[in-house]
Amino acid sequence: AAGHLESVKRMVEDGRDCAEVLTQLAAVRAAIGSTAKLILKDHIEH
């Protein structure tokens, strides 16, 4: 997720299309959300 976010930052710096940037930000947000779910599941179980 950190690597993906860094690539989104480069997209912004390169002046890439806003729709592309938003799509990639949504993907980063989804990755972080799924990671949080994994942490929560592990925490509940253990």
PDB file of all heavy atoms in Angstrom:
ATOM      1  N   ALA A   1       0.838  -1.207   0.000  1.00  0.00           N
ATOM      2  CA  ALA A   1       0.000   0.000   0.000  1.00  0.00           C
ATOM      3  C   ALA A   1       0.870   1.253   0.000  1.00  0.00           C
ATOM      4  O   ALA A   1       0.561   2.228  -0.697  1.00  0.00           O
ATOM      5  CB  ALA A   1      -0.948  -0.008   1.203  1.00  0.00           C
ATOM      6  N   ALA A   2       1.958   1.237   0.759  1.00  0.00           N
ATOM      7  CA  ALA A   2       2.862   2.387   0.795  1.00  0.00           C
ATOM      8  C   ALA A   2       3.492   2.610  -0.580  1.00  0.00           C
ATOM      9  O   ALA A   2       3.605   3.753  -1.038  1.00  0.00           O
ATOM     10  CB  ALA A   2       3.942   2.181   1.853  1.00  0.00           C
ATOM     11  N   GLY A   3       3.895   1.537  -1.229  1.00  0.00           N
ATOM     12  CA  GLY A   3       4.453   1.651  -2.570  1.00  0.00           C
ATOM     13  C   GLY A   3       3.436   2.171  -3.562  1.00  0.00           C
ATOM     14  O   GLY A   3       3.761   3.001  -4.427  1.00  0.00           O
ATOM     15  N   HIS A   4       2.223   1.694  -3.436  1.00  0.00           N
ATOM     16  CA  HIS A   4       1.145   2.144  -4.313  1.00  0.00           C
ATOM     17  C   HIS A   4       0.872   3.628  -4.095  1.00  0.00           C
ATOM     18  O   HIS A   4       0.726   4.404  -5.053  1.00  0.00           O
ATOM     19  CB  HIS A   4      -0.101   1.311  -4.046  1.00  0.00           C
ATOM     20  CG  HIS A   4      -1.147   1.418  -5.098  1.00  0.00           C
ATOM     21  ND1 HIS A   4      -2.203   0.553  -5.162  1.00  0.00           N
ATOM     22  CD2 HIS A   4      -1.340   2.276  -6.122  1.00  0.00           C
ATOM     23  CE1 HIS A   4      -2.987   0.885  -6.176  1.00  0.00           C
ATOM     24  NE2 HIS A   4      -2.477   1.928  -6.769  1.00  0.00           N
ATOM     25  N   LEU A   5       0.833   4.045  -2.839  1.00  0.00           N
ATOM     26  CA  LEU A   5       0.598   5.453  -2.521  1.00  0.00           C
ATOM     27  C   LEU A   5       1.729   6.325  -3.064  1.00  0.00           C
ATOM     28  O   LEU A   5       1.481   7.420  -3.582  1.00  0.00           O
ATOM     29  CB  LEU A   5       0.439   5.645  -1.016  1.00  0.00           C
ATOM     30  CG  LEU A   5       0.045   7.044  -0.553  1.00  0.00           C
ATOM     31  CD1 LEU A   5      -1.265   7.495  -1.201  1.00  0.00           C
ATOM     32  CD2 LEU A   5      -0.067   7.074   0.960  1.00  0.00           C
ATOM     33  N   GLU A   6       2.944   5.836  -2.987  1.00  0.00           N
ATOM     34  CA  GLU A   6       4.082   6.585  -3.535  1.00  0.00           C
ATOM     35  C   GLU A   6       3.923   6.751  -5.054  1.00  0.00           C
ATOM     36  O   GLU A   6       4.221   7.811  -5.596  1.00  0.00           O
ATOM     37  CB  GLU A   6       5.399   5.864  -3.200  1.00  0.00           C
ATOM     38  CG  GLU A   6       6.630   6.635  -3.579  1.00  0.00           C
ATOM     39  CD  GLU A   6       6.780   7.979  -2.894  1.00  0.00           C
ATOM     40  OE1 GLU A   6       6.399   8.113  -1.713  1.00  0.00           O
ATOM     41  OE2 GLU A   6       7.272   8.924  -3.544  1.00  0.00           O
ATOM     42  N   SER A   7       3.419   5.715  -5.720  1.00  0.00           N
ATOM     43  CA  SER A   7       3.208   5.839  -7.168  1.00  0.00           C
ATOM     44  C   SER A   7       2.086   6.829  -7.483  1.00  0.00           C
ATOM     45  O   SER A   7       2.150   7.551  -8.488  1.00  0.00           O
ATOM     46  CB  SER A   7       2.944   4.473  -7.816  1.00  0.00           C
ATOM     47  OG  SER A   7       1.679   3.979  -7.465  1.00  0.00           O
ATOM     48  N   VAL A   8       1.087   6.919  -6.625  1.00  0.00           N
ATOM     49  CA  VAL A   8       0.016   7.907  -6.802  1.00  0.00           C
ATOM     50  C   VAL A   8       0.583   9.316  -6.626  1.00  0.00           C
ATOM     51  O   VAL A   8       0.252  10.236  -7.382  1.00  0.00           O
ATOM     52  CB  VAL A   8      -1.157   7.653  -5.829  1.00  0.00           C
ATOM     53  CG1 VAL A   8      -2.195   8.754  -5.924  1.00  0.00           C
ATOM     54  CG2 VAL A   8      -1.796   6.293  -6.099  1.00  0.00           C
ATOM     55  N   LYS A   9       1.469   9.476  -5.652  1.00  0.00           N
ATOM     56  CA  LYS A   9       2.122  10.769  -5.444  1.00  0.00           C
ATOM     57  C   LYS A   9       2.872  11.186  -6.710  1.00  0.00           C
ATOM     58  O   LYS A   9       2.789  12.348  -7.136  1.00  0.00           O
ATOM     59  CB  LYS A   9       3.072  10.672  -4.256  1.00  0.00           C
ATOM     60  CG  LYS A   9       3.822  11.955  -3.954  1.00  0.00           C
ATOM     61  CD  LYS A   9       4.757  11.747  -2.774  1.00  0.00           C
ATOM     62  CE  LYS A   9       5.745  12.883  -2.719  1.00  0.00           C
ATOM     63  NZ  LYS A   9       7.041  12.473  -2.258  1.00  0.00           N
ATOM     64  N   ARG A  10       3.581  10.238  -7.311  1.00  0.00           N
ATOM     65  CA  ARG A  10       4.307  10.554  -8.555  1.00  0.00           C
ATOM     66  C   ARG A  10       3.331  10.913  -9.685  1.00  0.00           C
ATOM     67  O   ARG A  10       3.627  11.782 -10.505  1.00  0.00           O
ATOM     68  CB  ARG A  10       5.198   9.386  -8.973  1.00  0.00           C
ATOM     69  CG  ARG A  10       6.466   9.288  -8.140  1.00  0.00           C
ATOM     70  CD  ARG A  10       7.466   8.303  -8.713  1.00  0.00           C
ATOM     71  NE  ARG A  10       6.961   6.943  -8.875  1.00  0.00           N
ATOM     72  CZ  ARG A  10       6.940   6.031  -7.905  1.00  0.00           C
ATOM     73  NH1 ARG A  10       7.413   6.319  -6.703  1.00  0.00           N
ATOM     74  NH2 ARG A  10       6.469   4.830  -8.144  1.00  0.00           N
ATOM     75  N   MET A  11       2.176  10.247  -9.704  1.00  0.00           N
ATOM     76  CA  MET A  11       1.159  10.578 -10.707  1.00  0.00           C
ATOM     77  C   MET A  11       0.747  12.043 -10.578  1.00  0.00           C
ATOM     78  O   MET A  11       0.623  12.755 -11.579  1.00  0.00           O
ATOM     79  CB  MET A  11      -0.079   9.679 -10.558  1.00  0.00           C
ATOM     80  CG  MET A  11       0.118   8.241 -10.970  1.00  0.00           C
ATOM     81  SD  MET A  11      -1.353   7.229 -10.615  1.00  0.00           S
ATOM     82  CE  MET A  11      -2.508   7.862 -11.822  1.00  0.00           C
ATOM     83  N   VAL A  12       0.522  12.484  -9.349  1.00  0.00           N
ATOM     84  CA  VAL A  12       0.127  13.878  -9.106  1.00  0.00           C
ATOM     85  C   VAL A  12       1.248  14.814  -9.531  1.00  0.00           C
ATOM     86  O   VAL A  12       1.006  15.822 -10.212  1.00  0.00           O
ATOM     87  CB  VAL A  12      -0.253  14.087  -7.619  1.00  0.00           C
ATOM     88  CG1 VAL A  12      -0.460  15.565  -7.312  1.00  0.00           C
ATOM     89  CG2 VAL A  12      -1.495  13.278  -7.261  1.00  0.00           C
ATOM     90  N   GLU A  13       2.476  14.479  -9.136  1.00  0.00           N
ATOM     91  CA  GLU A  13       3.622  15.310  -9.501  1.00  0.00           C
ATOM     92  C   GLU A  13       3.792  15.403 -11.018  1.00  0.00           C
ATOM     93  O   GLU A  13       4.216  16.435 -11.535  1.00  0.00           O
ATOM     94  CB  GLU A  13       4.907  14.750  -8.871  1.00  0.00           C
ATOM     95  CG  GLU A  13       4.944  14.888  -7.366  1.00  0.00           C
ATOM     96  CD  GLU A  13       6.081  14.112  -6.717  1.00  0.00           C
ATOM     97  OE1 GLU A  13       6.663  13.205  -7.352  1.00  0.00           O
ATOM     98  OE2 GLU A  13       6.361  14.414  -5.545  1.00  0.00           O
ATOM     99  N   ASP A  14       3.438  14.336 -11.718  1.00  0.00           N
ATOM    100  CA  ASP A  14       3.563  14.297 -13.180  1.00  0.00           C
ATOM    101  C   ASP A  14       2.365  14.918 -13.895  1.00  0.00           C
ATOM    102  O   ASP A  14       2.338  14.959 -15.127  1.00  0.00           O
ATOM    103  CB  ASP A  14       3.742  12.855 -13.657  1.00  0.00           C
ATOM    104  CG  ASP A  14       5.064  12.245 -13.205  1.00  0.00           C
ATOM    105  OD1 ASP A  14       5.965  13.003 -12.791  1.00  0.00           O
ATOM    106  OD2 ASP A  14       5.176  10.999 -13.251  1.00  0.00           O
ATOM    107  N   GLY A  15       1.386  15.378 -13.113  1.00  0.00           N
ATOM    108  CA  GLY A  15       0.227  16.030 -13.714  1.00  0.00           C
ATOM    109  C   GLY A  15      -0.741  15.075 -14.395  1.00  0.00           C
ATOM    110  O   GLY A  15      -1.452  15.470 -15.317  1.00  0.00           O
ATOM    111  N   ARG A  16      -0.810  13.844 -13.922  1.00  0.00           N
ATOM    112  CA  ARG A  16      -1.706  12.851 -14.513  1.00  0.00           C
ATOM    113  C   ARG A  16      -3.161  13.246 -14.298  1.00  0.00           C
ATOM    114  O   ARG A  16      -3.501  14.031 -13.413  1.00  0.00           O
ATOM    115  CB  ARG A  16      -1.449  11.473 -13.901  1.00  0.00           C
ATOM    116  CG  ARG A  16      -0.070  10.912 -14.173  1.00  0.00           C
ATOM    117  CD  ARG A  16       0.072  10.278 -15.546  1.00  0.00           C
ATOM    118  NE  ARG A  16      -0.755   9.109 -15.700  1.00  0.00           N
ATOM    119  CZ  ARG A  16      -0.386   7.867 -15.382  1.00  0.00           C
ATOM    120  NH1 ARG A  16       0.812   7.653 -14.876  1.00  0.00           N
ATOM    121  NH2 ARG A  16      -1.213   6.865 -15.561  1.00  0.00           N
ATOM    122  N   ASP A  17      -4.012  12.676 -15.099  1.00  0.00           N
ATOM    123  CA  ASP A  17      -5.442  12.939 -15.080  1.00  0.00           C
ATOM    124  C   ASP A  17      -6.030  12.693 -13.679  1.00  0.00           C
ATOM    125  O   ASP A  17      -5.725  11.684 -13.041  1.00  0.00           O
ATOM    126  CB  ASP A  17      -6.133  12.025 -16.103  1.00  0.00           C
ATOM    127  CG  ASP A  17      -7.617  12.239 -16.149  1.00  0.00           C
ATOM    128  OD1 ASP A  17      -8.044  13.314 -16.605  1.00  0.00           O
ATOM    129  OD2 ASP A  17      -8.354  11.326 -15.701  1.00  0.00           O
ATOM    130  N   CYS A  18      -6.866  13.622 -13.225  1.00  0.00           N
ATOM    131  CA  CYS A  18      -7.470  13.535 -11.882  1.00  0.00           C
ATOM    132  C   CYS A  18      -8.278  12.249 -11.703  1.00  0.00           C
ATOM    133  O   CYS A  18      -8.249  11.643 -10.621  1.00  0.00           O
ATOM    134  CB  CYS A  18      -8.367  14.741 -11.624  1.00  0.00           C
ATOM    135  SG  CYS A  18      -7.453  16.288 -11.481  1.00  0.00           S
ATOM    136  N   ALA A  19      -8.984  11.835 -12.736  1.00  0.00           N
ATOM    137  CA  ALA A  19      -9.788  10.613 -12.633  1.00  0.00           C
ATOM    138  C   ALA A  19      -8.885   9.404 -12.389  1.00  0.00           C
ATOM    139  O   ALA A  19      -9.216   8.522 -11.583  1.00  0.00           O
ATOM    140  CB  ALA A  19     -10.630  10.415 -13.891  1.00  0.00           C
ATOM    141  N   GLU A  20      -7.742   9.354 -13.054  1.00  0.00           N
ATOM    142  CA  GLU A  20      -6.786   8.256 -12.847  1.00  0.00           C
ATOM    143  C   GLU A  20      -6.256   8.278 -11.420  1.00  0.00           C
ATOM    144  O   GLU A  20      -6.144   7.227 -10.770  1.00  0.00           O
ATOM    145  CB  GLU A  20      -5.607   8.368 -13.816  1.00  0.00           C
ATOM    146  CG  GLU A  20      -5.935   8.101 -15.261  1.00  0.00           C
ATOM    147  CD  GLU A  20      -4.698   8.288 -16.135  1.00  0.00           C
ATOM    148  OE1 GLU A  20      -3.641   7.711 -15.808  1.00  0.00           O
ATOM    149  OE2 GLU A  20      -4.793   9.028 -17.125  1.00  0.00           O
ATOM    150  N   VAL A  21      -5.915   9.470 -10.941  1.00  0.00           N
ATOM    151  CA  VAL A  21      -5.392   9.613  -9.584  1.00  0.00           C
ATOM    152  C   VAL A  21      -6.440   9.165  -8.572  1.00  0.00           C
ATOM    153  O   VAL A  21      -6.139   8.406  -7.639  1.00  0.00           O
ATOM    154  CB  VAL A  21      -4.938  11.061  -9.309  1.00  0.00           C
ATOM    155  CG1 VAL A  21      -4.593  11.263  -7.839  1.00  0.00           C
ATOM    156  CG2 VAL A  21      -3.750  11.439 -10.200  1.00  0.00           C
ATOM    157  N   LEU A  22      -7.672   9.597  -8.747  1.00  0.00           N
ATOM    158  CA  LEU A  22      -8.737   9.216  -7.818  1.00  0.00           C
ATOM    159  C   LEU A  22      -8.978   7.707  -7.832  1.00  0.00           C
ATOM    160  O   LEU A  22      -9.209   7.101  -6.780  1.00  0.00           O
ATOM    161  CB  LEU A  22     -10.025   9.970  -8.144  1.00  0.00           C
ATOM    162  CG  LEU A  22      -9.988  11.463  -7.801  1.00  0.00           C
ATOM    163  CD1 LEU A  22     -11.209  12.165  -8.390  1.00  0.00           C
ATOM    164  CD2 LEU A  22      -9.905  11.672  -6.300  1.00  0.00           C
ATOM    165  N   THR A  23      -8.906   7.101  -9.005  1.00  0.00           N
ATOM    166  CA  THR A  23      -9.079   5.650  -9.106  1.00  0.00           C
ATOM    167  C   THR A  23      -7.987   4.927  -8.326  1.00  0.00           C
ATOM    168  O   THR A  23      -8.255   3.968  -7.589  1.00  0.00           O
ATOM    169  CB  THR A  23      -9.059   5.214 -10.586  1.00  0.00           C
ATOM    170  OG1 THR A  23     -10.161   5.821 -11.254  1.00  0.00           O
ATOM    171  CG2 THR A  23      -9.150   3.706 -10.724  1.00  0.00           C
ATOM    172  N   GLN A  24      -6.755   5.408  -8.460  1.00  0.00           N
ATOM    173  CA  GLN A  24      -5.645   4.777  -7.749  1.00  0.00           C
ATOM    174  C   GLN A  24      -5.724   5.038  -6.235  1.00  0.00           C
ATOM    175  O   GLN A  24      -5.378   4.164  -5.434  1.00  0.00           O
ATOM    176  CB  GLN A  24      -4.306   5.241  -8.316  1.00  0.00           C
ATOM    177  CG  GLN A  24      -4.067   4.759  -9.734  1.00  0.00           C
ATOM    178  CD  GLN A  24      -4.211   3.250  -9.865  1.00  0.00           C
ATOM    179  OE1 GLN A  24      -3.627   2.490  -9.095  1.00  0.00           O
ATOM    180  NE2 GLN A  24      -5.008   2.816 -10.827  1.00  0.00           N
ATOM    181  N   LEU A  25      -6.181   6.222  -5.857  1.00  0.00           N
ATOM    182  CA  LEU A  25      -6.375   6.499  -4.431  1.00  0.00           C
ATOM    183  C   LEU A  25      -7.444   5.585  -3.835  1.00  0.00           C
ATOM    184  O   LEU A  25      -7.316   5.127  -2.693  1.00  0.00           O
ATOM    185  CB  LEU A  25      -6.755   7.964  -4.205  1.00  0.00           C
ATOM    186  CG  LEU A  25      -5.607   8.955  -4.246  1.00  0.00           C
ATOM    187  CD1 LEU A  25      -6.146  10.384  -4.160  1.00  0.00           C
ATOM    188  CD2 LEU A  25      -4.614   8.692  -3.129  1.00  0.00           C
ATOM    189  N   ALA A  26      -8.484   5.313  -4.599  1.00  0.00           N
ATOM    190  CA  ALA A  26      -9.528   4.392  -4.131  1.00  0.00           C
ATOM    191  C   ALA A  26      -8.936   2.996  -3.929  1.00  0.00           C
ATOM    192  O   ALA A  26      -9.290   2.302  -2.967  1.00  0.00           O
ATOM    193  CB  ALA A  26     -10.686   4.352  -5.127  1.00  0.00           C
ATOM    194  N   ALA A  27      -8.029   2.592  -4.812  1.00  0.00           N
ATOM    195  CA  ALA A  27      -7.390   1.288  -4.676  1.00  0.00           C
ATOM    196  C   ALA A  27      -6.515   1.235  -3.424  1.00  0.00           C
ATOM    197  O   ALA A  27      -6.506   0.231  -2.697  1.00  0.00           O
ATOM    198  CB  ALA A  27      -6.560   0.970  -5.918  1.00  0.00           C
ATOM    199  N   VAL A  28      -5.794   2.319  -3.140  1.00  0.00           N
ATOM    200  CA  VAL A  28      -4.968   2.385  -1.928  1.00  0.00           C
ATOM    201  C   VAL A  28      -5.861   2.322  -0.696  1.00  0.00           C
ATOM    202  O   VAL A  28      -5.571   1.587   0.257  1.00  0.00           O
ATOM    203  CB  VAL A  28      -4.094   3.663  -1.913  1.00  0.00           C
ATOM    204  CG1 VAL A  28      -3.410   3.841  -0.561  1.00  0.00           C
ATOM    205  CG2 VAL A  28      -3.071   3.637  -3.038  1.00  0.00           C
ATOM    206  N   ARG A  29      -6.947   3.075  -0.716  1.00  0.00           N
ATOM    207  CA  ARG A  29      -7.875   3.078   0.418  1.00  0.00           C
ATOM    208  C   ARG A  29      -8.453   1.676   0.642  1.00  0.00           C
ATOM    209  O   ARG A  29      -8.558   1.210   1.775  1.00  0.00           O
ATOM    210  CB  ARG A  29      -8.993   4.097   0.193  1.00  0.00           C
ATOM    211  CG  ARG A  29      -9.935   4.194   1.376  1.00  0.00           C
ATOM    212  CD  ARG A  29     -10.903   5.330   1.270  1.00  0.00           C
ATOM    213  NE  ARG A  29     -11.596   5.336  -0.007  1.00  0.00           N
ATOM    214  CZ  ARG A  29     -12.346   6.327  -0.453  1.00  0.00           C
ATOM    215  NH1 ARG A  29     -12.509   7.403   0.282  1.00  0.00           N
ATOM    216  NH2 ARG A  29     -12.939   6.252  -1.607  1.00  0.00           N
ATOM    217  N   ALA A  30      -8.797   0.976  -0.435  1.00  0.00           N
ATOM    218  CA  ALA A  30      -9.331  -0.384  -0.315  1.00  0.00           C
ATOM    219  C   ALA A  30      -8.275  -1.324   0.265  1.00  0.00           C
ATOM    220  O   ALA A  30      -8.587  -2.184   1.106  1.00  0.00           O
ATOM    221  CB  ALA A  30      -9.807  -0.885  -1.679  1.00  0.00           C
ATOM    222  N   ALA A  31      -7.021  -1.165  -0.168  1.00  0.00           N
ATOM    223  CA  ALA A  31      -5.943  -2.008   0.354  1.00  0.00           C
ATOM    224  C   ALA A  31      -5.743  -1.777   1.844  1.00  0.00           C
ATOM    225  O   ALA A  31      -5.552  -2.728   2.617  1.00  0.00           O
ATOM    226  CB  ALA A  31      -4.649  -1.732  -0.417  1.00  0.00           C
ATOM    227  N   ILE A  32      -5.798  -0.535   2.273  1.00  0.00           N
ATOM    228  CA  ILE A  32      -5.644  -0.220   3.697  1.00  0.00           C
ATOM    229  C   ILE A  32      -6.833  -0.777   4.483  1.00  0.00           C
ATOM    230  O   ILE A  32      -6.669  -1.330   5.562  1.00  0.00           O
ATOM    231  CB  ILE A  32      -5.473   1.296   3.905  1.00  0.00           C
ATOM    232  CG1 ILE A  32      -4.127   1.737   3.334  1.00  0.00           C
ATOM    233  CG2 ILE A  32      -5.601   1.671   5.378  1.00  0.00           C
ATOM    234  CD1 ILE A  32      -3.940   3.228   3.252  1.00  0.00           C
ATOM    235  N   GLY A  33      -8.028  -0.642   3.920  1.00  0.00           N
ATOM    236  CA  GLY A  33      -9.217  -1.176   4.579  1.00  0.00           C
ATOM    237  C   GLY A  33      -9.152  -2.684   4.753  1.00  0.00           C
ATOM    238  O   GLY A  33      -9.496  -3.215   5.823  1.00  0.00           O
ATOM    239  N   SER A  34      -8.695  -3.394   3.728  1.00  0.00           N
ATOM    240  CA  SER A  34      -8.606  -4.855   3.842  1.00  0.00           C
ATOM    241  C   SER A  34      -7.519  -5.245   4.842  1.00  0.00           C
ATOM    242  O   SER A  34      -7.646  -6.249   5.550  1.00  0.00           O
ATOM    243  CB  SER A  34      -8.376  -5.505   2.484  1.00  0.00           C
ATOM    244  OG  SER A  34      -7.093  -5.230   1.988  1.00  0.00           O
ATOM    245  N   THR A  35      -6.464  -4.443   4.928  1.00  0.00           N
ATOM    246  CA  THR A  35      -5.421  -4.699   5.926  1.00  0.00           C
ATOM    247  C   THR A  35      -5.976  -4.481   7.326  1.00  0.00           C
ATOM    248  O   THR A  35      -5.701  -5.275   8.236  1.00  0.00           O
ATOM    249  CB  THR A  35      -4.202  -3.795   5.673  1.00  0.00           C
ATOM    250  OG1 THR A  35      -3.733  -4.011   4.336  1.00  0.00           O
ATOM    251  CG2 THR A  35      -3.095  -4.092   6.657  1.00  0.00           C
ATOM    252  N   ALA A  36      -6.745  -3.441   7.507  1.00  0.00           N
ATOM    253  CA  ALA A  36      -7.361  -3.176   8.813  1.00  0.00           C
ATOM    254  C   ALA A  36      -8.283  -4.326   9.211  1.00  0.00           C
ATOM    255  O   ALA A  36      -8.299  -4.740  10.384  1.00  0.00           O
ATOM    256  CB  ALA A  36      -8.132  -1.863   8.787  1.00  0.00           C
ATOM    257  N   LYS A  37      -9.031  -4.859   8.258  1.00  0.00           N
ATOM    258  CA  LYS A  37      -9.911  -6.001   8.553  1.00  0.00           C
ATOM    259  C   LYS A  37      -9.098  -7.207   8.996  1.00  0.00           C
ATOM    260  O   LYS A  37      -9.495  -7.931   9.909  1.00  0.00           O
ATOM    261  CB  LYS A  37     -10.754  -6.355   7.333  1.00  0.00           C
ATOM    262  CG  LYS A  37     -11.848  -5.366   7.049  1.00  0.00           C
ATOM    263  CD  LYS A  37     -12.602  -5.769   5.792  1.00  0.00           C
ATOM    264  CE  LYS A  37     -13.524  -4.659   5.335  1.00  0.00           C
ATOM    265  NZ  LYS A  37     -14.173  -4.998   4.059  1.00  0.00           N
ATOM    266  N   LEU A  38      -7.957  -7.437   8.345  1.00  0.00           N
ATOM    267  CA  LEU A  38      -7.090  -8.549   8.719  1.00  0.00           C
ATOM    268  C   LEU A  38      -6.559  -8.363  10.138  1.00  0.00           C
ATOM    269  O   LEU A  38      -6.546  -9.297  10.941  1.00  0.00           O
ATOM    270  CB  LEU A  38      -5.932  -8.670   7.725  1.00  0.00           C
ATOM    271  CG  LEU A  38      -4.958  -9.816   7.943  1.00  0.00           C
ATOM    272  CD1 LEU A  38      -5.664 -11.165   7.845  1.00  0.00           C
ATOM    273  CD2 LEU A  38      -3.832  -9.730   6.925  1.00  0.00           C
ATOM    274  N   ILE A  39      -6.143  -7.152  10.473  1.00  0.00           N
ATOM    275  CA  ILE A  39      -5.661  -6.851  11.823  1.00  0.00           C
ATOM    276  C   ILE A  39      -6.777  -7.068  12.836  1.00  0.00           C
ATOM    277  O   ILE A  39      -6.576  -7.687  13.888  1.00  0.00           O
ATOM    278  CB  ILE A  39      -5.119  -5.402  11.907  1.00  0.00           C
ATOM    279  CG1 ILE A  39      -3.847  -5.270  11.089  1.00  0.00           C
ATOM    280  CG2 ILE A  39      -4.898  -4.992  13.366  1.00  0.00           C
ATOM    281  CD1 ILE A  39      -3.388  -3.827  10.897  1.00  0.00           C
ATOM    282  N   LEU A  40      -7.964  -6.578  12.536  1.00  0.00           N
ATOM    283  CA  LEU A  40      -9.099  -6.732  13.443  1.00  0.00           C
ATOM    284  C   LEU A  40      -9.446  -8.202  13.645  1.00  0.00           C
ATOM    285  O   LEU A  40      -9.645  -8.651  14.783  1.00  0.00           O
ATOM    286  CB  LEU A  40     -10.308  -5.958  12.921  1.00  0.00           C
ATOM    287  CG  LEU A  40     -11.571  -6.033  13.758  1.00  0.00           C
ATOM    288  CD1 LEU A  40     -11.330  -5.520  15.173  1.00  0.00           C
ATOM    289  CD2 LEU A  40     -12.681  -5.244  13.084  1.00  0.00           C
ATOM    290  N   LYS A  41      -9.494  -8.964  12.567  1.00  0.00           N
ATOM    291  CA  LYS A  41      -9.809 -10.399  12.660  1.00  0.00           C
ATOM    292  C   LYS A  41      -8.770 -11.104  13.529  1.00  0.00           C
ATOM    293  O   LYS A  41      -9.116 -11.880  14.415  1.00  0.00           O
ATOM    294  CB  LYS A  41      -9.851 -11.003  11.257  1.00  0.00           C
ATOM    295  CG  LYS A  41     -10.195 -12.464  11.215  1.00  0.00           C
ATOM    296  CD  LYS A  41     -10.256 -12.929   9.760  1.00  0.00           C
ATOM    297  CE  LYS A  41     -10.704 -14.355   9.629  1.00  0.00           C
ATOM    298  NZ  LYS A  41      -9.660 -15.326   9.884  1.00  0.00           N
ATOM    299  N   ASP A  42      -7.491 -10.823  13.279  1.00  0.00           N
ATOM    300  CA  ASP A  42      -6.427 -11.434  14.053  1.00  0.00           C
ATOM    301  C   ASP A  42      -6.534 -11.041  15.526  1.00  0.00           C
ATOM    302  O   ASP A  42      -6.376 -11.876  16.417  1.00  0.00           O
ATOM    303  CB  ASP A  42      -5.078 -11.013  13.473  1.00  0.00           C
ATOM    304  CG  ASP A  42      -3.913 -11.815  14.014  1.00  0.00           C
ATOM    305  OD1 ASP A  42      -3.984 -13.063  13.947  1.00  0.00           O
ATOM    306  OD2 ASP A  42      -2.946 -11.201  14.486  1.00  0.00           O
ATOM    307  N   HIS A  43      -6.830  -9.779  15.762  1.00  0.00           N
ATOM    308  CA  HIS A  43      -6.959  -9.292  17.134  1.00  0.00           C
ATOM    309  C   HIS A  43      -8.117  -9.982  17.851  1.00  0.00           C
ATOM    310  O   HIS A  43      -7.970 -10.411  19.005  1.00  0.00           O
ATOM    311  CB  HIS A  43      -7.157  -7.781  17.126  1.00  0.00           C
ATOM    312  CG  HIS A  43      -7.193  -7.181  18.489  1.00  0.00           C
ATOM    313  ND1 HIS A  43      -6.097  -7.141  19.322  1.00  0.00           N
ATOM    314  CD2 HIS A  43      -8.201  -6.594  19.175  1.00  0.00           C
ATOM    315  CE1 HIS A  43      -6.431  -6.560  20.458  1.00  0.00           C
ATOM    316  NE2 HIS A  43      -7.697  -6.223  20.396  1.00  0.00           N
ATOM    317  N   ILE A  44      -9.242 -10.106  17.184  1.00  0.00           N
ATOM    318  CA  ILE A  44     -10.397 -10.767  17.799  1.00  0.00           C
ATOM    319  C   ILE A  44     -10.084 -12.223  18.102  1.00  0.00           C
ATOM    320  O   ILE A  44     -10.362 -12.719  19.191  1.00  0.00           O
ATOM    321  CB  ILE A  44     -11.647 -10.636  16.906  1.00  0.00           C
ATOM    322  CG1 ILE A  44     -12.138  -9.192  16.925  1.00  0.00           C
ATOM    323  CG2 ILE A  44     -12.747 -11.603  17.352  1.00  0.00           C
ATOM    324  CD1 ILE A  44     -13.205  -8.886  15.901  1.00  0.00           C
ATOM    325  N   GLU A  45      -9.469 -12.913  17.143  1.00  0.00           N
ATOM    326  CA  GLU A  45      -9.191 -14.335  17.325  1.00  0.00           C
ATOM    327  C   GLU A  45      -8.151 -14.604  18.399  1.00  0.00           C
ATOM    328  O   GLU A  45      -8.224 -15.615  19.094  1.00  0.00           O
ATOM    329  CB  GLU A  45      -8.714 -14.946  16.002  1.00  0.00           C
ATOM    330  CG  GLU A  45      -9.812 -15.063  14.983  1.00  0.00           C
ATOM    331  CD  GLU A  45      -9.317 -15.526  13.620  1.00  0.00           C
ATOM    332  OE1 GLU A  45      -8.094 -15.730  13.448  1.00  0.00           O
ATOM    333  OE2 GLU A  45     -10.158 -15.683  12.725  1.00  0.00           O
ATOM    334  N   HIS A  46      -7.168 -13.699  18.548  1.00  0.00           N
ATOM    335  CA  HIS A  46      -6.049 -14.011  19.423  1.00  0.00           C
ATOM    336  C   HIS A  46      -5.955 -13.167  20.678  1.00  0.00           C
ATOM    337  O   HIS A  46      -5.213 -13.521  21.584  1.00  0.00           O
ATOM    338  CB  HIS A  46      -4.739 -13.926  18.642  1.00  0.00           C
ATOM    339  CG  HIS A  46      -4.717 -14.904  17.520  1.00  0.00           C
ATOM    340  ND1 HIS A  46      -4.508 -16.248  17.708  1.00  0.00           N
ATOM    341  CD2 HIS A  46      -4.925 -14.739  16.193  1.00  0.00           C
ATOM    342  CE1 HIS A  46      -4.572 -16.867  16.552  1.00  0.00           C
ATOM    343  NE2 HIS A  46      -4.821 -15.982  15.621  1.00  0.00           N
TER     344      HIS A  46
END
